[in-house]
């Protein structure tokens, strides 16, 4: 199994992305090919899970569009990923926050992690 992992790491190059986890709000820039044209689509939402490790890792982002929850799974080593930007760092106690699927409105909010700057 280790040999298989070594070969897959040699074949697939992993880009360096900012660290994020479940509960964080991120903005993902994703390249979309439509015929001969190429455009960048920005998808902003809350990370509800990170799964896997290495080149096969994926993350799921959930956003509300016209009152309907939309989830999208992104492979971390996809060549179509252009940028990942962390907008807010959420404070959650779980690694997979599927309970957001059943919540709407104010109850679906996630506390933001506050960083302590210290006294000036």
PDB file of N, CA and C in Angstrom:
ATOM      1  N   UNK A   1       0.818  -1.195   0.000  1.00  0.00           N
ATOM      2  CA  UNK A   1       0.000   0.000   0.000  1.00  0.00           C
ATOM      3  C   UNK A   1       0.865   1.263   0.000  1.00  0.00           C
ATOM      4  N   UNK A   2       2.002   1.207   0.689  1.00  0.00           N
ATOM      5  CA  UNK A   2       2.893   2.365   0.722  1.00  0.00           C
ATOM      6  C   UNK A   2       3.481   2.638  -0.659  1.00  0.00           C
ATOM      7  N   UNK A   3       3.766   1.590  -1.410  1.00  0.00           N
ATOM      8  CA  UNK A   3       4.314   1.746  -2.754  1.00  0.00           C
ATOM      9  C   UNK A   3       3.307   2.437  -3.661  1.00  0.00           C
ATOM     10  N   UNK A   4       2.044   2.065  -3.541  1.00  0.00           N
ATOM     11  CA  UNK A   4       0.979   2.683  -4.326  1.00  0.00           C
ATOM     12  C   UNK A   4       0.856   4.168  -3.980  1.00  0.00           C
ATOM     13  N   UNK A   5       0.967   4.491  -2.712  1.00  0.00           N
ATOM     14  CA  UNK A   5       0.887   5.879  -2.253  1.00  0.00           C
ATOM     15  C   UNK A   5       2.068   6.695  -2.800  1.00  0.00           C
ATOM     16  N   UNK A   6       3.258   6.101  -2.833  1.00  0.00           N
ATOM     17  CA  UNK A   6       4.433   6.797  -3.358  1.00  0.00           C
ATOM     18  C   UNK A   6       4.278   7.109  -4.849  1.00  0.00           C
ATOM     19  N   UNK A   7       3.771   6.148  -5.588  1.00  0.00           N
ATOM     20  CA  UNK A   7       3.592   6.331  -7.028  1.00  0.00           C
ATOM     21  C   UNK A   7       2.548   7.409  -7.301  1.00  0.00           C
ATOM     22  N   UNK A   8       1.452   7.407  -6.559  1.00  0.00           N
ATOM     23  CA  UNK A   8       0.405   8.411  -6.779  1.00  0.00           C
ATOM     24  C   UNK A   8       0.897   9.808  -6.412  1.00  0.00           C
ATOM     25  N   UNK A   9       1.758   9.929  -5.408  1.00  0.00           N
ATOM     26  CA  UNK A   9       2.305  11.235  -5.048  1.00  0.00           C
ATOM     27  C   UNK A   9       3.265  11.753  -6.119  1.00  0.00           C
ATOM     28  N   UNK A  10       3.960  10.858  -6.794  1.00  0.00           N
ATOM     29  CA  UNK A  10       4.864  11.269  -7.865  1.00  0.00           C
ATOM     30  C   UNK A  10       4.084  11.733  -9.093  1.00  0.00           C
ATOM     31  N   UNK A  11       2.965  11.082  -9.376  1.00  0.00           N
ATOM     32  CA  UNK A  11       2.186  11.408 -10.569  1.00  0.00           C
ATOM     33  C   UNK A  11       1.340  12.667 -10.401  1.00  0.00           C
ATOM     34  N   UNK A  12       0.779  12.865  -9.211  1.00  0.00           N
ATOM     35  CA  UNK A  12      -0.107  13.996  -8.973  1.00  0.00           C
ATOM     36  C   UNK A  12       0.613  15.023  -8.116  1.00  0.00           C
ATOM     37  N   UNK A  13       0.721  16.238  -8.644  1.00  0.00           N
ATOM     38  CA  UNK A  13       1.358  17.301  -7.861  1.00  0.00           C
ATOM     39  C   UNK A  13       0.292  18.039  -7.055  1.00  0.00           C
ATOM     40  N   UNK A  14       0.540  18.192  -5.776  1.00  0.00           N
ATOM     41  CA  UNK A  14      -0.402  18.878  -4.895  1.00  0.00           C
ATOM     42  C   UNK A  14       0.063  20.309  -4.710  1.00  0.00           C
ATOM     43  N   UNK A  15      -0.842  21.240  -4.956  1.00  0.00           N
ATOM     44  CA  UNK A  15      -0.520  22.648  -4.745  1.00  0.00           C
ATOM     45  C   UNK A  15      -0.637  22.976  -3.263  1.00  0.00           C
ATOM     46  N   UNK A  16       0.011  24.038  -2.863  1.00  0.00           N
ATOM     47  CA  UNK A  16      -0.076  24.492  -1.479  1.00  0.00           C
ATOM     48  C   UNK A  16      -1.280  25.415  -1.337  1.00  0.00           C
ATOM     49  N   UNK A  17      -2.221  25.033  -0.505  1.00  0.00           N
ATOM     50  CA  UNK A  17      -3.414  25.829  -0.242  1.00  0.00           C
ATOM     51  C   UNK A  17      -3.385  26.298   1.209  1.00  0.00           C
ATOM     52  N   UNK A  18      -4.130  27.348   1.526  1.00  0.00           N
ATOM     53  CA  UNK A  18      -4.195  27.767   2.934  1.00  0.00           C
ATOM     54  C   UNK A  18      -4.878  26.687   3.771  1.00  0.00           C
ATOM     55  N   UNK A  19      -4.547  26.628   5.042  1.00  0.00           N
ATOM     56  CA  UNK A  19      -5.171  25.627   5.905  1.00  0.00           C
ATOM     57  C   UNK A  19      -6.587  26.069   6.249  1.00  0.00           C
ATOM     58  N   UNK A  20      -7.512  25.139   6.125  1.00  0.00           N
ATOM     59  CA  UNK A  20      -8.907  25.386   6.498  1.00  0.00           C
ATOM     60  C   UNK A  20      -9.491  24.086   6.986  1.00  0.00           C
ATOM     61  N   UNK A  21     -10.596  24.201   7.717  1.00  0.00           N
ATOM     62  CA  UNK A  21     -11.236  23.021   8.302  1.00  0.00           C
ATOM     63  C   UNK A  21     -12.741  23.204   8.244  1.00  0.00           C
ATOM     64  N   UNK A  22     -13.465  22.240   8.756  1.00  0.00           N
ATOM     65  CA  UNK A  22     -14.920  22.326   8.783  1.00  0.00           C
ATOM     66  C   UNK A  22     -15.344  23.521   9.626  1.00  0.00           C
ATOM     67  N   UNK A  23     -16.328  24.266   9.136  1.00  0.00           N
ATOM     68  CA  UNK A  23     -16.821  25.443   9.840  1.00  0.00           C
ATOM     69  C   UNK A  23     -16.282  26.742   9.277  1.00  0.00           C
ATOM     70  N   UNK A  24     -15.207  26.667   8.499  1.00  0.00           N
ATOM     71  CA  UNK A  24     -14.633  27.874   7.908  1.00  0.00           C
ATOM     72  C   UNK A  24     -15.435  28.286   6.677  1.00  0.00           C
ATOM     73  N   UNK A  25     -15.516  29.588   6.446  1.00  0.00           N
ATOM     74  CA  UNK A  25     -16.134  30.103   5.232  1.00  0.00           C
ATOM     75  C   UNK A  25     -15.013  30.406   4.253  1.00  0.00           C
ATOM     76  N   UNK A  26     -15.091  29.783   3.079  1.00  0.00           N
ATOM     77  CA  UNK A  26     -14.032  29.951   2.090  1.00  0.00           C
ATOM     78  C   UNK A  26     -14.610  30.385   0.748  1.00  0.00           C
ATOM     79  N   UNK A  27     -13.717  30.930  -0.078  1.00  0.00           N
ATOM     80  CA  UNK A  27     -14.067  31.323  -1.434  1.00  0.00           C
ATOM     81  C   UNK A  27     -13.181  30.508  -2.367  1.00  0.00           C
ATOM     82  N   UNK A  28     -13.803  29.703  -3.221  1.00  0.00           N
ATOM     83  CA  UNK A  28     -13.075  28.821  -4.131  1.00  0.00           C
ATOM     84  C   UNK A  28     -13.225  29.342  -5.555  1.00  0.00           C
ATOM     85  N   UNK A  29     -12.104  29.608  -6.220  1.00  0.00           N
ATOM     86  CA  UNK A  29     -12.115  29.998  -7.632  1.00  0.00           C
ATOM     87  C   UNK A  29     -11.857  28.737  -8.445  1.00  0.00           C
ATOM     88  N   UNK A  30     -12.807  28.392  -9.311  1.00  0.00           N
ATOM     89  CA  UNK A  30     -12.777  27.133 -10.041  1.00  0.00           C
ATOM     90  C   UNK A  30     -12.877  27.410 -11.535  1.00  0.00           C
ATOM     91  N   UNK A  31     -11.989  26.804 -12.310  1.00  0.00           N
ATOM     92  CA  UNK A  31     -11.969  26.990 -13.755  1.00  0.00           C
ATOM     93  C   UNK A  31     -13.022  26.093 -14.400  1.00  0.00           C
ATOM     94  N   UNK A  32     -13.858  26.673 -15.260  1.00  0.00           N
ATOM     95  CA  UNK A  32     -14.897  25.909 -15.951  1.00  0.00           C
ATOM     96  C   UNK A  32     -14.685  26.043 -17.450  1.00  0.00           C
ATOM     97  N   UNK A  33     -14.715  24.895 -18.137  1.00  0.00           N
ATOM     98  CA  UNK A  33     -14.570  24.872 -19.586  1.00  0.00           C
ATOM     99  C   UNK A  33     -15.935  24.710 -20.216  1.00  0.00           C
ATOM    100  N   UNK A  34     -16.304  25.647 -21.092  1.00  0.00           N
ATOM    101  CA  UNK A  34     -17.562  25.566 -21.826  1.00  0.00           C
ATOM    102  C   UNK A  34     -17.229  25.636 -23.311  1.00  0.00           C
ATOM    103  N   UNK A  35     -17.192  24.498 -23.943  1.00  0.00           N
ATOM    104  CA  UNK A  35     -16.802  24.457 -25.351  1.00  0.00           C
ATOM    105  C   UNK A  35     -15.328  24.796 -25.489  1.00  0.00           C
ATOM    106  N   UNK A  36     -15.023  25.832 -26.261  1.00  0.00           N
ATOM    107  CA  UNK A  36     -13.635  26.255 -26.415  1.00  0.00           C
ATOM    108  C   UNK A  36     -13.274  27.379 -25.444  1.00  0.00           C
ATOM    109  N   UNK A  37     -14.276  27.904 -24.728  1.00  0.00           N
ATOM    110  CA  UNK A  37     -14.034  29.003 -23.797  1.00  0.00           C
ATOM    111  C   UNK A  37     -13.737  28.480 -22.396  1.00  0.00           C
ATOM    112  N   UNK A  38     -13.037  29.298 -21.652  1.00  0.00           N
ATOM    113  CA  UNK A  38     -12.714  28.971 -20.265  1.00  0.00           C
ATOM    114  C   UNK A  38     -13.022  30.175 -19.398  1.00  0.00           C
ATOM    115  N   UNK A  39     -13.677  29.949 -18.255  1.00  0.00           N
ATOM    116  CA  UNK A  39     -13.967  31.054 -17.350  1.00  0.00           C
ATOM    117  C   UNK A  39     -13.759  30.593 -15.923  1.00  0.00           C
ATOM    118  N   UNK A  40     -13.674  31.554 -15.008  1.00  0.00           N
ATOM    119  CA  UNK A  40     -13.477  31.249 -13.597  1.00  0.00           C
ATOM    120  C   UNK A  40     -14.763  31.521 -12.844  1.00  0.00           C
ATOM    121  N   UNK A  41     -15.209  30.548 -12.097  1.00  0.00           N
ATOM    122  CA  UNK A  41     -16.406  30.696 -11.273  1.00  0.00           C
ATOM    123  C   UNK A  41     -15.982  30.729  -9.811  1.00  0.00           C
ATOM    124  N   UNK A  42     -16.518  31.675  -9.064  1.00  0.00           N
ATOM    125  CA  UNK A  42     -16.205  31.791  -7.641  1.00  0.00           C
ATOM    126  C   UNK A  42     -17.360  31.184  -6.858  1.00  0.00           C
ATOM    127  N   UNK A  43     -17.026  30.285  -5.948  1.00  0.00           N
ATOM    128  CA  UNK A  43     -18.019  29.577  -5.138  1.00  0.00           C
ATOM    129  C   UNK A  43     -17.676  29.843  -3.681  1.00  0.00           C
ATOM    130  N   UNK A  44     -18.548  30.543  -2.967  1.00  0.00           N
ATOM    131  CA  UNK A  44     -18.286  30.883  -1.573  1.00  0.00           C
ATOM    132  C   UNK A  44     -19.304  30.200  -0.683  1.00  0.00           C
ATOM    133  N   UNK A  45     -18.807  29.559   0.369  1.00  0.00           N
ATOM    134  CA  UNK A  45     -19.700  28.880   1.294  1.00  0.00           C
ATOM    135  C   UNK A  45     -18.940  28.352   2.495  1.00  0.00           C
ATOM    136  N   UNK A  46     -19.628  27.539   3.282  1.00  0.00           N
ATOM    137  CA  UNK A  46     -19.073  26.971   4.503  1.00  0.00           C
ATOM    138  C   UNK A  46     -18.573  25.563   4.234  1.00  0.00           C
ATOM    139  N   UNK A  47     -17.379  25.269   4.706  1.00  0.00           N
ATOM    140  CA  UNK A  47     -16.828  23.916   4.572  1.00  0.00           C
ATOM    141  C   UNK A  47     -17.560  23.028   5.566  1.00  0.00           C
ATOM    142  N   UNK A  48     -18.194  21.962   5.083  1.00  0.00           N
ATOM    143  CA  UNK A  48     -18.890  21.061   6.010  1.00  0.00           C
ATOM    144  C   UNK A  48     -18.103  19.783   6.262  1.00  0.00           C
ATOM    145  N   UNK A  49     -17.088  19.513   5.430  1.00  0.00           N
ATOM    146  CA  UNK A  49     -16.238  18.353   5.712  1.00  0.00           C
ATOM    147  C   UNK A  49     -14.955  18.410   4.910  1.00  0.00           C
ATOM    148  N   UNK A  50     -13.920  17.774   5.440  1.00  0.00           N
ATOM    149  CA  UNK A  50     -12.677  17.478   4.723  1.00  0.00           C
ATOM    150  C   UNK A  50     -12.542  15.965   4.782  1.00  0.00           C
ATOM    151  N   UNK A  51     -12.217  15.352   3.671  1.00  0.00           N
ATOM    152  CA  UNK A  51     -12.150  13.891   3.632  1.00  0.00           C
ATOM    153  C   UNK A  51     -10.908  13.450   2.881  1.00  0.00           C
ATOM    154  N   UNK A  52     -10.274  12.390   3.342  1.00  0.00           N
ATOM    155  CA  UNK A  52      -9.122  11.817   2.666  1.00  0.00           C
ATOM    156  C   UNK A  52      -7.835  12.511   3.045  1.00  0.00           C
ATOM    157  N   UNK A  53      -6.760  12.054   2.397  1.00  0.00           N
ATOM    158  CA  UNK A  53      -5.450  12.646   2.643  1.00  0.00           C
ATOM    159  C   UNK A  53      -4.621  12.574   1.379  1.00  0.00           C
ATOM    160  N   UNK A  54      -3.648  13.445   1.283  1.00  0.00           N
ATOM    161  CA  UNK A  54      -2.768  13.455   0.124  1.00  0.00           C
ATOM    162  C   UNK A  54      -3.484  13.906  -1.137  1.00  0.00           C
ATOM    163  N   UNK A  55      -3.145  13.325  -2.273  1.00  0.00           N
ATOM    164  CA  UNK A  55      -3.717  13.778  -3.541  1.00  0.00           C
ATOM    165  C   UNK A  55      -5.186  13.398  -3.730  1.00  0.00           C
ATOM    166  N   UNK A  56      -5.687  12.469  -2.936  1.00  0.00           N
ATOM    167  CA  UNK A  56      -7.085  12.059  -3.086  1.00  0.00           C
ATOM    168  C   UNK A  56      -8.018  12.788  -2.131  1.00  0.00           C
ATOM    169  N   UNK A  57      -7.524  13.765  -1.394  1.00  0.00           N
ATOM    170  CA  UNK A  57      -8.345  14.487  -0.423  1.00  0.00           C
ATOM    171  C   UNK A  57      -9.394  15.346  -1.126  1.00  0.00           C
ATOM    172  N   UNK A  58     -10.550  15.488  -0.496  1.00  0.00           N
ATOM    173  CA  UNK A  58     -11.622  16.329  -1.016  1.00  0.00           C
ATOM    174  C   UNK A  58     -12.185  17.179   0.122  1.00  0.00           C
ATOM    175  N   UNK A  59     -12.895  18.226  -0.248  1.00  0.00           N
ATOM    176  CA  UNK A  59     -13.618  19.020   0.743  1.00  0.00           C
ATOM    177  C   UNK A  59     -14.964  19.410   0.152  1.00  0.00           C
ATOM    178  N   UNK A  60     -15.967  19.516   1.013  1.00  0.00           N
ATOM    179  CA  UNK A  60     -17.324  19.839   0.593  1.00  0.00           C
ATOM    180  C   UNK A  60     -17.682  21.227   1.102  1.00  0.00           C
ATOM    181  N   UNK A  61     -18.202  22.056   0.204  1.00  0.00           N
ATOM    182  CA  UNK A  61     -18.585  23.423   0.536  1.00  0.00           C
ATOM    183  C   UNK A  61     -20.084  23.559   0.335  1.00  0.00           C
ATOM    184  N   UNK A  62     -20.760  24.169   1.317  1.00  0.00           N
ATOM    185  CA  UNK A  62     -22.216  24.347   1.271  1.00  0.00           C
ATOM    186  C   UNK A  62     -22.541  25.830   1.279  1.00  0.00           C
ATOM    187  N   UNK A  63     -23.448  26.224   0.400  1.00  0.00           N
ATOM    188  CA  UNK A  63     -23.927  27.599   0.403  1.00  0.00           C
ATOM    189  C   UNK A  63     -25.431  27.608   0.176  1.00  0.00           C
ATOM    190  N   UNK A  64     -26.058  28.716   0.512  1.00  0.00           N
ATOM    191  CA  UNK A  64     -27.488  28.878   0.287  1.00  0.00           C
ATOM    192  C   UNK A  64     -27.673  29.715  -0.972  1.00  0.00           C
ATOM    193  N   UNK A  65     -28.423  29.194  -1.933  1.00  0.00           N
ATOM    194  CA  UNK A  65     -28.709  29.903  -3.178  1.00  0.00           C
ATOM    195  C   UNK A  65     -30.224  29.966  -3.354  1.00  0.00           C
ATOM    196  N   UNK A  66     -30.787  31.160  -3.231  1.00  0.00           N
ATOM    197  CA  UNK A  66     -32.244  31.384  -3.349  1.00  0.00           C
ATOM    198  C   UNK A  66     -33.023  30.527  -2.364  1.00  0.00           C
ATOM    199  N   UNK A  67     -32.514  30.386  -1.163  1.00  0.00           N
ATOM    200  CA  UNK A  67     -33.209  29.634  -0.119  1.00  0.00           C
ATOM    201  C   UNK A  67     -33.022  28.130  -0.211  1.00  0.00           C
ATOM    202  N   UNK A  68     -32.226  27.664  -1.147  1.00  0.00           N
ATOM    203  CA  UNK A  68     -31.982  26.235  -1.325  1.00  0.00           C
ATOM    204  C   UNK A  68     -30.514  25.961  -1.016  1.00  0.00           C
ATOM    205  N   UNK A  69     -30.252  24.940  -0.222  1.00  0.00           N
ATOM    206  CA  UNK A  69     -28.880  24.580   0.104  1.00  0.00           C
ATOM    207  C   UNK A  69     -28.213  23.868  -1.057  1.00  0.00           C
ATOM    208  N   UNK A  70     -27.030  24.331  -1.446  1.00  0.00           N
ATOM    209  CA  UNK A  70     -26.277  23.731  -2.546  1.00  0.00           C
ATOM    210  C   UNK A  70     -24.917  23.309  -2.015  1.00  0.00           C
ATOM    211  N   UNK A  71     -24.561  22.047  -2.223  1.00  0.00           N
ATOM    212  CA  UNK A  71     -23.276  21.529  -1.780  1.00  0.00           C
ATOM    213  C   UNK A  71     -22.455  21.113  -2.997  1.00  0.00           C
ATOM    214  N   UNK A  72     -21.165  21.350  -2.896  1.00  0.00           N
ATOM    215  CA  UNK A  72     -20.274  20.971  -3.990  1.00  0.00           C
ATOM    216  C   UNK A  72     -19.012  20.371  -3.410  1.00  0.00           C
ATOM    217  N   UNK A  73     -18.565  19.278  -4.005  1.00  0.00           N
ATOM    218  CA  UNK A  73     -17.359  18.583  -3.552  1.00  0.00           C
ATOM    219  C   UNK A  73     -16.215  18.955  -4.486  1.00  0.00           C
ATOM    220  N   UNK A  74     -15.100  19.401  -3.900  1.00  0.00           N
ATOM    221  CA  UNK A  74     -13.921  19.780  -4.676  1.00  0.00           C
ATOM    222  C   UNK A  74     -12.768  18.845  -4.330  1.00  0.00           C
ATOM    223  N   UNK A  75     -12.119  18.241  -5.321  1.00  0.00           N
ATOM    224  CA  UNK A  75     -10.882  17.488  -5.056  1.00  0.00           C
ATOM    225  C   UNK A  75      -9.739  18.480  -4.822  1.00  0.00           C
ATOM    226  N   UNK A  76      -8.941  18.247  -3.815  1.00  0.00           N
ATOM    227  CA  UNK A  76      -7.888  19.189  -3.436  1.00  0.00           C
ATOM    228  C   UNK A  76      -6.779  19.257  -4.478  1.00  0.00           C
ATOM    229  N   UNK A  77      -6.574  18.197  -5.244  1.00  0.00           N
ATOM    230  CA  UNK A  77      -5.498  18.180  -6.240  1.00  0.00           C
ATOM    231  C   UNK A  77      -6.011  18.409  -7.660  1.00  0.00           C
ATOM    232  N   UNK A  78      -7.197  18.970  -7.795  1.00  0.00           N
ATOM    233  CA  UNK A  78      -7.769  19.222  -9.112  1.00  0.00           C
ATOM    234  C   UNK A  78      -6.992  20.310  -9.840  1.00  0.00           C
ATOM    235  N   UNK A  79      -6.690  20.114 -11.126  1.00  0.00           N
ATOM    236  CA  UNK A  79      -6.000  21.166 -11.883  1.00  0.00           C
ATOM    237  C   UNK A  79      -6.917  22.355 -12.189  1.00  0.00           C
ATOM    238  N   UNK A  80      -8.216  22.204 -11.972  1.00  0.00           N
ATOM    239  CA  UNK A  80      -9.160  23.283 -12.237  1.00  0.00           C
ATOM    240  C   UNK A  80      -9.281  24.263 -11.068  1.00  0.00           C
ATOM    241  N   UNK A  81      -8.765  23.905  -9.905  1.00  0.00           N
ATOM    242  CA  UNK A  81      -8.763  24.832  -8.771  1.00  0.00           C
ATOM    243  C   UNK A  81      -7.743  25.925  -9.022  1.00  0.00           C
ATOM    244  N   UNK A  82      -8.183  27.178  -8.961  1.00  0.00           N
ATOM    245  CA  UNK A  82      -7.270  28.298  -9.166  1.00  0.00           C
ATOM    246  C   UNK A  82      -6.833  28.907  -7.843  1.00  0.00           C
ATOM    247  N   UNK A  83      -7.804  29.129  -6.942  1.00  0.00           N
ATOM    248  CA  UNK A  83      -7.473  29.772  -5.674  1.00  0.00           C
ATOM    249  C   UNK A  83      -8.471  29.361  -4.603  1.00  0.00           C
ATOM    250  N   UNK A  84      -7.982  29.306  -3.374  1.00  0.00           N
ATOM    251  CA  UNK A  84      -8.834  29.093  -2.203  1.00  0.00           C
ATOM    252  C   UNK A  84      -8.483  30.200  -1.226  1.00  0.00           C
ATOM    253  N   UNK A  85      -9.507  30.943  -0.814  1.00  0.00           N
ATOM    254  CA  UNK A  85      -9.289  32.055   0.107  1.00  0.00           C
ATOM    255  C   UNK A  85     -10.177  31.846   1.338  1.00  0.00           C
ATOM    256  N   UNK A  86      -9.574  31.889   2.515  1.00  0.00           N
ATOM    257  CA  UNK A  86     -10.327  31.720   3.765  1.00  0.00           C
ATOM    258  C   UNK A  86     -10.898  33.077   4.151  1.00  0.00           C
ATOM    259  N   UNK A  87     -12.231  33.168   4.223  1.00  0.00           N
ATOM    260  CA  UNK A  87     -12.889  34.426   4.562  1.00  0.00           C
ATOM    261  C   UNK A  87     -13.086  34.554   6.077  1.00  0.00           C
ATOM    262  N   UNK A  88     -13.616  33.497   6.703  1.00  0.00           N
ATOM    263  CA  UNK A  88     -13.840  33.485   8.144  1.00  0.00           C
ATOM    264  C   UNK A  88     -13.401  32.151   8.705  1.00  0.00           C
ATOM    265  N   UNK A  89     -12.878  32.169   9.914  1.00  0.00           N
ATOM    266  CA  UNK A  89     -12.504  30.937  10.598  1.00  0.00           C
ATOM    267  C   UNK A  89     -13.608  30.636  11.594  1.00  0.00           C
ATOM    268  N   UNK A  90     -14.308  29.524  11.396  1.00  0.00           N
ATOM    269  CA  UNK A  90     -15.428  29.165  12.249  1.00  0.00           C
ATOM    270  C   UNK A  90     -14.988  28.391  13.472  1.00  0.00           C
ATOM    271  N   UNK A  91     -15.829  28.438  14.488  1.00  0.00           N
ATOM    272  CA  UNK A  91     -15.547  27.712  15.729  1.00  0.00           C
ATOM    273  C   UNK A  91     -16.597  26.619  15.879  1.00  0.00           C
ATOM    274  N   UNK A  92     -16.226  25.387  15.529  1.00  0.00           N
ATOM    275  CA  UNK A  92     -17.124  24.235  15.640  1.00  0.00           C
ATOM    276  C   UNK A  92     -16.397  23.128  16.371  1.00  0.00           C
ATOM    277  N   UNK A  93     -17.154  22.187  16.916  1.00  0.00           N
ATOM    278  CA  UNK A  93     -16.564  21.098  17.684  1.00  0.00           C
ATOM    279  C   UNK A  93     -16.489  19.796  16.918  1.00  0.00           C
ATOM    280  N   UNK A  94     -17.006  19.783  15.699  1.00  0.00           N
ATOM    281  CA  UNK A  94     -17.050  18.541  14.938  1.00  0.00           C
ATOM    282  C   UNK A  94     -16.262  18.653  13.646  1.00  0.00           C
ATOM    283  N   UNK A  95     -15.841  17.526  13.129  1.00  0.00           N
ATOM    284  CA  UNK A  95     -15.091  17.500  11.874  1.00  0.00           C
ATOM    285  C   UNK A  95     -16.029  17.486  10.667  1.00  0.00           C
ATOM    286  N   UNK A  96     -17.233  16.976  10.844  1.00  0.00           N
ATOM    287  CA  UNK A  96     -18.224  16.942   9.778  1.00  0.00           C
ATOM    288  C   UNK A  96     -19.497  17.572  10.317  1.00  0.00           C
ATOM    289  N   UNK A  97     -19.870  18.705   9.772  1.00  0.00           N
ATOM    290  CA  UNK A  97     -21.002  19.444  10.326  1.00  0.00           C
ATOM    291  C   UNK A  97     -22.240  19.294   9.433  1.00  0.00           C
ATOM    292  N   UNK A  98     -22.667  18.040   9.302  1.00  0.00           N
ATOM    293  CA  UNK A  98     -23.845  17.734   8.491  1.00  0.00           C
ATOM    294  C   UNK A  98     -25.126  18.289   9.102  1.00  0.00           C
ATOM    295  N   UNK A  99     -25.102  18.633  10.378  1.00  0.00           N
ATOM    296  CA  UNK A  99     -26.308  19.142  11.019  1.00  0.00           C
ATOM    297  C   UNK A  99     -26.752  20.469  10.405  1.00  0.00           C
ATOM    298  N   UNK A 100     -25.884  21.140   9.660  1.00  0.00           N
ATOM    299  CA  UNK A 100     -26.270  22.392   8.994  1.00  0.00           C
ATOM    300  C   UNK A 100     -27.341  22.163   7.928  1.00  0.00           C
ATOM    301  N   UNK A 101     -27.401  20.940   7.405  1.00  0.00           N
ATOM    302  CA  UNK A 101     -28.378  20.637   6.353  1.00  0.00           C
ATOM    303  C   UNK A 101     -29.809  20.805   6.840  1.00  0.00           C
ATOM    304  N   UNK A 102     -30.034  20.561   8.116  1.00  0.00           N
ATOM    305  CA  UNK A 102     -31.384  20.665   8.657  1.00  0.00           C
ATOM    306  C   UNK A 102     -31.714  22.024   9.230  1.00  0.00           C
ATOM    307  N   UNK A 103     -30.777  22.957   9.210  1.00  0.00           N
ATOM    308  CA  UNK A 103     -30.985  24.275   9.801  1.00  0.00           C
ATOM    309  C   UNK A 103     -31.110  25.346   8.726  1.00  0.00           C
ATOM    310  N   UNK A 104     -31.915  26.352   9.014  1.00  0.00           N
ATOM    311  CA  UNK A 104     -32.044  27.493   8.110  1.00  0.00           C
ATOM    312  C   UNK A 104     -32.038  28.780   8.919  1.00  0.00           C
ATOM    313  N   UNK A 105     -31.756  29.870   8.271  1.00  0.00           N
ATOM    314  CA  UNK A 105     -31.814  31.175   8.920  1.00  0.00           C
ATOM    315  C   UNK A 105     -30.734  31.386   9.956  1.00  0.00           C
ATOM    316  N   UNK A 106     -31.120  32.036  11.062  1.00  0.00           N
ATOM    317  CA  UNK A 106     -30.149  32.383  12.097  1.00  0.00           C
ATOM    318  C   UNK A 106     -29.568  31.163  12.796  1.00  0.00           C
ATOM    319  N   UNK A 107     -30.319  30.081  12.867  1.00  0.00           N
ATOM    320  CA  UNK A 107     -29.819  28.886  13.554  1.00  0.00           C
ATOM    321  C   UNK A 107     -28.697  28.200  12.777  1.00  0.00           C
ATOM    322  N   UNK A 108     -28.557  28.529  11.497  1.00  0.00           N
ATOM    323  CA  UNK A 108     -27.518  27.913  10.670  1.00  0.00           C
ATOM    324  C   UNK A 108     -26.208  28.695  10.722  1.00  0.00           C
ATOM    325  N   UNK A 109     -26.144  29.737  11.545  1.00  0.00           N
ATOM    326  CA  UNK A 109     -24.911  30.519  11.649  1.00  0.00           C
ATOM    327  C   UNK A 109     -23.871  29.766  12.465  1.00  0.00           C
ATOM    328  N   UNK A 110     -22.617  30.029  12.161  1.00  0.00           N
ATOM    329  CA  UNK A 110     -21.501  29.421  12.885  1.00  0.00           C
ATOM    330  C   UNK A 110     -20.737  30.539  13.576  1.00  0.00           C
ATOM    331  N   UNK A 111     -20.384  30.303  14.842  1.00  0.00           N
ATOM    332  CA  UNK A 111     -19.604  31.297  15.571  1.00  0.00           C
ATOM    333  C   UNK A 111     -18.265  31.494  14.894  1.00  0.00           C
ATOM    334  N   UNK A 112     -17.822  32.735  14.880  1.00  0.00           N
ATOM    335  CA  UNK A 112     -16.525  33.036  14.295  1.00  0.00           C
ATOM    336  C   UNK A 112     -15.465  32.979  15.377  1.00  0.00           C
ATOM    337  N   UNK A 113     -14.354  32.348  15.054  1.00  0.00           N
ATOM    338  CA  UNK A 113     -13.256  32.249  15.995  1.00  0.00           C
ATOM    339  C   UNK A 113     -12.588  33.616  16.104  1.00  0.00           C
ATOM    340  N   UNK A 114     -12.472  34.103  17.302  1.00  0.00           N
ATOM    341  CA  UNK A 114     -11.894  35.420  17.511  1.00  0.00           C
ATOM    342  C   UNK A 114     -10.431  35.268  17.891  1.00  0.00           C
ATOM    343  N   UNK A 115      -9.586  36.044  17.239  1.00  0.00           N
ATOM    344  CA  UNK A 115      -8.168  35.988  17.575  1.00  0.00           C
ATOM    345  C   UNK A 115      -7.867  37.090  18.562  1.00  0.00           C
ATOM    346  N   UNK A 116      -7.056  36.767  19.545  1.00  0.00           N
ATOM    347  CA  UNK A 116      -6.707  37.707  20.592  1.00  0.00           C
ATOM    348  C   UNK A 116      -5.467  38.482  20.164  1.00  0.00           C
ATOM    349  N   UNK A 117      -5.608  39.787  20.032  1.00  0.00           N
ATOM    350  CA  UNK A 117      -4.500  40.632  19.593  1.00  0.00           C
ATOM    351  C   UNK A 117      -3.630  41.095  20.761  1.00  0.00           C
ATOM    352  N   UNK A 118      -4.152  41.037  21.967  1.00  0.00           N
ATOM    353  CA  UNK A 118      -3.381  41.482  23.133  1.00  0.00           C
ATOM    354  C   UNK A 118      -3.571  42.956  23.394  1.00  0.00           C
ATOM    355  N   UNK A 119      -3.152  43.428  24.540  1.00  0.00           N
ATOM    356  CA  UNK A 119      -3.295  44.835  24.900  1.00  0.00           C
ATOM    357  C   UNK A 119      -2.227  45.659  24.190  1.00  0.00           C
ATOM    358  N   UNK A 120      -2.619  46.826  23.721  1.00  0.00           N
ATOM    359  CA  UNK A 120      -1.679  47.699  23.030  1.00  0.00           C
ATOM    360  C   UNK A 120      -1.273  48.866  23.879  1.00  0.00           C
TER     361      UNK A 120
END
